[in-house]
Amino acid sequence: MFLGIGGNTFPGTSLIRRRRILRSSFSKKNYRVDENGRFIAKSPIFDEEKKLGNSKPPAISRFLANERKFAKDKHFEEQYKEFMFEYRDHKHLTLVEKDDNLILNDRIYYLPHHAVVKPSSTSTKLRVVFGSYKAANSVSLNSILSVGPFIQRDIFSTLIHFRMHKITFSADIEKMYQQILVASEDQTF
């Protein structure tokens, strides 16, 4: 089978078809749009969250490891905190007060995080990575979340189509997925 470049790269994956797949995957009960036009999506949990187990010990362990790194390298600490404050300012995370745990009815999953440093990067030298750890005798958060359809073109097809037109547009999509907010009832995961 040969792949075409001019039209659909792969049979049956036209943009219209991909949009239909996406629309059918999400109904009005799974997302809404807020007053600012931002999407708020429910987490696509397809399995019981009761199977998650206790993720607090690995989160505390990762936190203490971060604290040790902060004590050794103040510049690292500043970059890390700057990243986290940016997340907070964009409402990607919120501070949880100690008393909030009583309200949540033990429906909490902690996401440990650590930094990945890439000094050669021109845009972001430090990036915070969140890990979905599996507790003993349980499953990870990622394993109970449903994976939606892949609706983006592959990079090869994008580059070939880019060269077919006299005028092209480009955009920085670095934080594209961060524009979608998580529904409040799913923010404890």
Protein backbone atom coordinates (compact mmCIF):
# COMPACT_ATOMS: atom_id res chain seq x y z
CA MET A 1 0.00 0.00 0.00
CA PHE A 2 1.32 3.45 -0.91
CA LEU A 3 0.65 6.58 1.09
CA GLY A 4 -0.65 9.62 -0.73
CA ILE A 5 0.59 13.10 0.03
CA GLY A 6 -1.88 15.34 -1.80
CA GLY A 7 -5.07 14.28 -0.04
CA ASN A 8 -5.56 11.99 2.90
CA THR A 9 -2.30 10.56 4.12
CA PHE A 10 -4.00 7.51 5.55
CA PRO A 11 -7.26 6.08 4.23
CA GLY A 12 -10.27 7.04 6.33
CA THR A 13 -8.54 9.69 8.44
CA SER A 14 -9.69 12.90 6.81
CA LEU A 15 -9.97 15.96 9.03
CA ILE A 16 -13.77 15.74 8.84
CA ARG A 17 -13.66 12.10 9.95
CA ARG A 18 -11.28 12.91 12.81
CA ARG A 19 -13.60 15.69 13.97
CA ARG A 20 -16.58 13.32 13.87
CA ILE A 21 -14.67 10.79 15.96
CA LEU A 22 -13.76 13.48 18.46
CA ARG A 23 -17.34 14.78 18.63
CA SER A 24 -18.75 11.30 19.15
CA SER A 25 -16.22 10.63 21.92
CA PHE A 26 -17.36 13.62 23.90
CA SER A 27 -20.93 14.42 24.71
CA LYS A 28 -22.25 17.45 26.56
CA LYS A 29 -22.05 15.49 29.82
CA ASN A 30 -18.25 15.20 29.45
CA TYR A 31 -17.37 18.84 28.82
CA ARG A 32 -18.66 22.38 29.00
CA VAL A 33 -17.40 25.83 28.06
CA ASP A 34 -16.91 28.47 30.77
CA GLU A 35 -17.73 32.18 30.53
CA ASN A 36 -14.26 32.90 29.08
CA GLY A 37 -14.65 30.34 26.28
CA ARG A 38 -12.29 27.76 27.83
CA PHE A 39 -13.22 24.10 27.73
CA ILE A 40 -13.74 22.31 31.04
CA ALA A 41 -13.49 18.55 30.57
CA LYS A 42 -14.26 15.64 32.86
CA SER A 43 -11.52 13.07 33.29
CA PRO A 44 -12.36 10.09 31.06
CA ILE A 45 -12.22 7.47 33.83
CA PHE A 46 -13.26 4.09 32.46
CA ASP A 47 -12.40 2.00 35.49
CA GLU A 48 -13.13 2.36 39.18
CA GLU A 49 -10.96 4.89 40.98
CA LYS A 50 -11.22 2.68 44.09
CA LYS A 51 -8.43 0.56 42.56
CA LEU A 52 -5.95 3.44 42.75
CA GLY A 53 -4.48 2.81 46.18
CA ASN A 54 -2.52 5.24 48.35
CA SER A 55 -0.34 7.58 46.29
CA LYS A 56 0.61 9.81 49.23
CA PRO A 57 3.87 8.02 50.27
CA PRO A 58 5.52 8.31 46.81
CA ALA A 59 4.37 11.95 46.64
CA ILE A 60 5.93 12.72 50.02
CA SER A 61 9.12 10.90 49.04
CA ARG A 62 9.38 12.93 45.81
CA PHE A 63 8.63 16.15 47.75
CA LEU A 64 11.46 15.45 50.21
CA ALA A 65 13.85 14.69 47.32
CA ASN A 66 12.90 18.04 45.76
CA GLU A 67 13.50 19.80 49.09
CA ARG A 68 17.01 18.30 49.29
CA LYS A 69 17.77 19.57 45.77
CA PHE A 70 16.43 23.02 46.70
CA ALA A 71 18.78 23.18 49.70
CA LYS A 72 21.78 22.48 47.42
CA ASP A 73 20.83 24.74 44.50
CA LYS A 74 18.91 27.98 45.10
CA HIS A 75 18.74 28.80 41.38
CA PHE A 76 17.08 25.42 40.76
CA GLU A 77 14.62 26.19 43.57
CA GLU A 78 13.76 29.59 42.06
CA GLN A 79 13.12 28.09 38.61
CA TYR A 80 11.01 25.29 40.07
CA LYS A 81 8.89 27.67 42.15
CA GLU A 82 8.52 30.03 39.20
CA PHE A 83 7.15 27.14 37.14
CA MET A 84 4.71 26.14 39.89
CA PHE A 85 3.57 29.74 40.44
CA GLU A 86 2.93 30.04 36.70
CA TYR A 87 0.79 26.89 36.90
CA ARG A 88 -1.11 28.39 39.81
CA ASP A 89 -1.57 31.75 38.05
CA HIS A 90 -2.98 29.99 34.97
CA LYS A 91 -5.29 27.97 37.26
CA HIS A 92 -3.74 24.63 36.34
CA LEU A 93 -3.37 23.92 40.04
CA THR A 94 -4.85 25.21 43.26
CA LEU A 95 -3.57 25.17 46.80
CA VAL A 96 -5.30 22.54 48.92
CA GLU A 97 -5.76 23.48 52.54
CA LYS A 98 -5.37 20.78 55.16
CA ASP A 99 -9.06 20.97 56.16
CA ASP A 100 -10.15 20.26 52.56
CA ASN A 101 -9.21 16.59 52.99
CA LEU A 102 -12.22 16.05 55.24
CA ILE A 103 -14.59 17.28 52.53
CA LEU A 104 -13.11 15.14 49.75
CA ASN A 105 -14.13 11.79 51.30
CA ASP A 106 -10.76 10.10 50.58
CA ARG A 107 -11.21 10.57 46.82
CA ILE A 108 -7.68 11.91 46.51
CA TYR A 109 -4.83 10.91 44.23
CA TYR A 110 -1.52 12.71 44.69
CA LEU A 111 0.62 13.44 41.64
CA PRO A 112 4.29 13.44 42.58
CA HIS A 113 6.38 15.84 40.51
CA HIS A 114 10.01 16.48 39.76
CA ALA A 115 12.07 18.68 37.46
CA VAL A 116 13.71 17.82 34.19
CA VAL A 117 16.54 20.22 33.41
CA LYS A 118 17.77 20.71 29.86
CA PRO A 119 20.42 23.47 29.83
CA SER A 120 20.68 23.42 26.01
CA SER A 121 17.00 24.36 25.59
CA THR A 122 16.38 27.86 24.27
CA SER A 123 12.80 28.15 25.53
CA THR A 124 12.40 26.18 28.76
CA LYS A 125 15.49 25.04 30.62
CA LEU A 126 13.50 23.54 33.51
CA ARG A 127 10.25 21.66 33.14
CA VAL A 128 8.24 20.08 35.95
CA VAL A 129 7.02 16.57 35.17
CA PHE A 130 4.07 15.00 36.98
CA GLY A 131 4.13 11.24 37.53
CA SER A 132 1.17 8.90 37.84
CA TYR A 133 2.64 6.38 40.25
CA LYS A 134 1.20 2.98 40.98
CA ALA A 135 0.86 2.17 44.67
CA ALA A 136 1.46 -1.38 45.90
CA ASN A 137 -1.27 -3.86 44.84
CA SER A 138 -3.13 -1.21 42.83
CA VAL A 139 -3.16 0.57 39.48
CA SER A 140 -1.84 3.94 38.31
CA LEU A 141 -4.05 6.89 37.46
CA ASN A 142 -3.01 6.69 33.80
CA SER A 143 -4.17 3.07 33.58
CA ILE A 144 -7.79 3.94 34.50
CA LEU A 145 -8.04 6.97 32.19
CA SER A 146 -9.46 6.32 28.75
CA VAL A 147 -7.33 7.36 25.79
CA GLY A 148 -9.23 9.36 23.21
CA PRO A 149 -8.81 9.22 19.47
CA PHE A 150 -5.64 10.59 17.89
CA ILE A 151 -6.90 13.50 15.79
CA GLN A 152 -3.67 15.25 14.86
CA ARG A 153 -1.78 14.62 11.66
CA ASP A 154 1.62 13.00 11.95
CA ILE A 155 4.63 15.32 11.60
CA PHE A 156 5.66 13.99 8.16
CA SER A 157 2.25 14.74 6.67
CA THR A 158 2.22 18.19 8.28
CA LEU A 159 5.62 19.09 6.85
CA ILE A 160 4.71 17.89 3.35
CA HIS A 161 1.41 19.81 3.38
CA PHE A 162 3.26 22.87 4.70
CA ARG A 163 5.37 22.96 1.52
CA MET A 164 2.36 22.75 -0.83
CA HIS A 165 1.15 26.33 -0.33
CA LYS A 166 2.66 29.74 -1.07
CA ILE A 167 1.52 31.23 2.25
CA THR A 168 1.44 29.32 5.52
CA PHE A 169 0.62 30.15 9.11
CA SER A 170 2.24 28.83 12.22
CA ALA A 171 1.46 29.12 15.91
CA ASP A 172 3.15 28.31 19.19
CA ILE A 173 1.21 25.44 20.70
CA GLU A 174 3.56 24.88 23.64
CA LYS A 175 0.77 25.24 26.21
CA MET A 176 -2.17 24.17 24.06
CA TYR A 177 -3.36 21.36 26.31
CA GLN A 178 -3.07 23.52 29.41
CA GLN A 179 -5.91 25.66 28.08
CA ILE A 180 -8.37 22.87 28.83
CA LEU A 181 -9.44 22.94 32.46
CA VAL A 182 -10.28 19.84 34.49
CA ALA A 183 -13.81 19.68 35.93
CA SER A 184 -13.89 20.52 39.64
CA GLU A 185 -15.27 17.08 40.59
CA ASP A 186 -12.20 15.44 38.99
CA GLN A 187 -9.54 17.78 40.37
CA THR A 188 -8.68 15.43 43.22
CA PHE A 189 -7.10 13.02 40.74
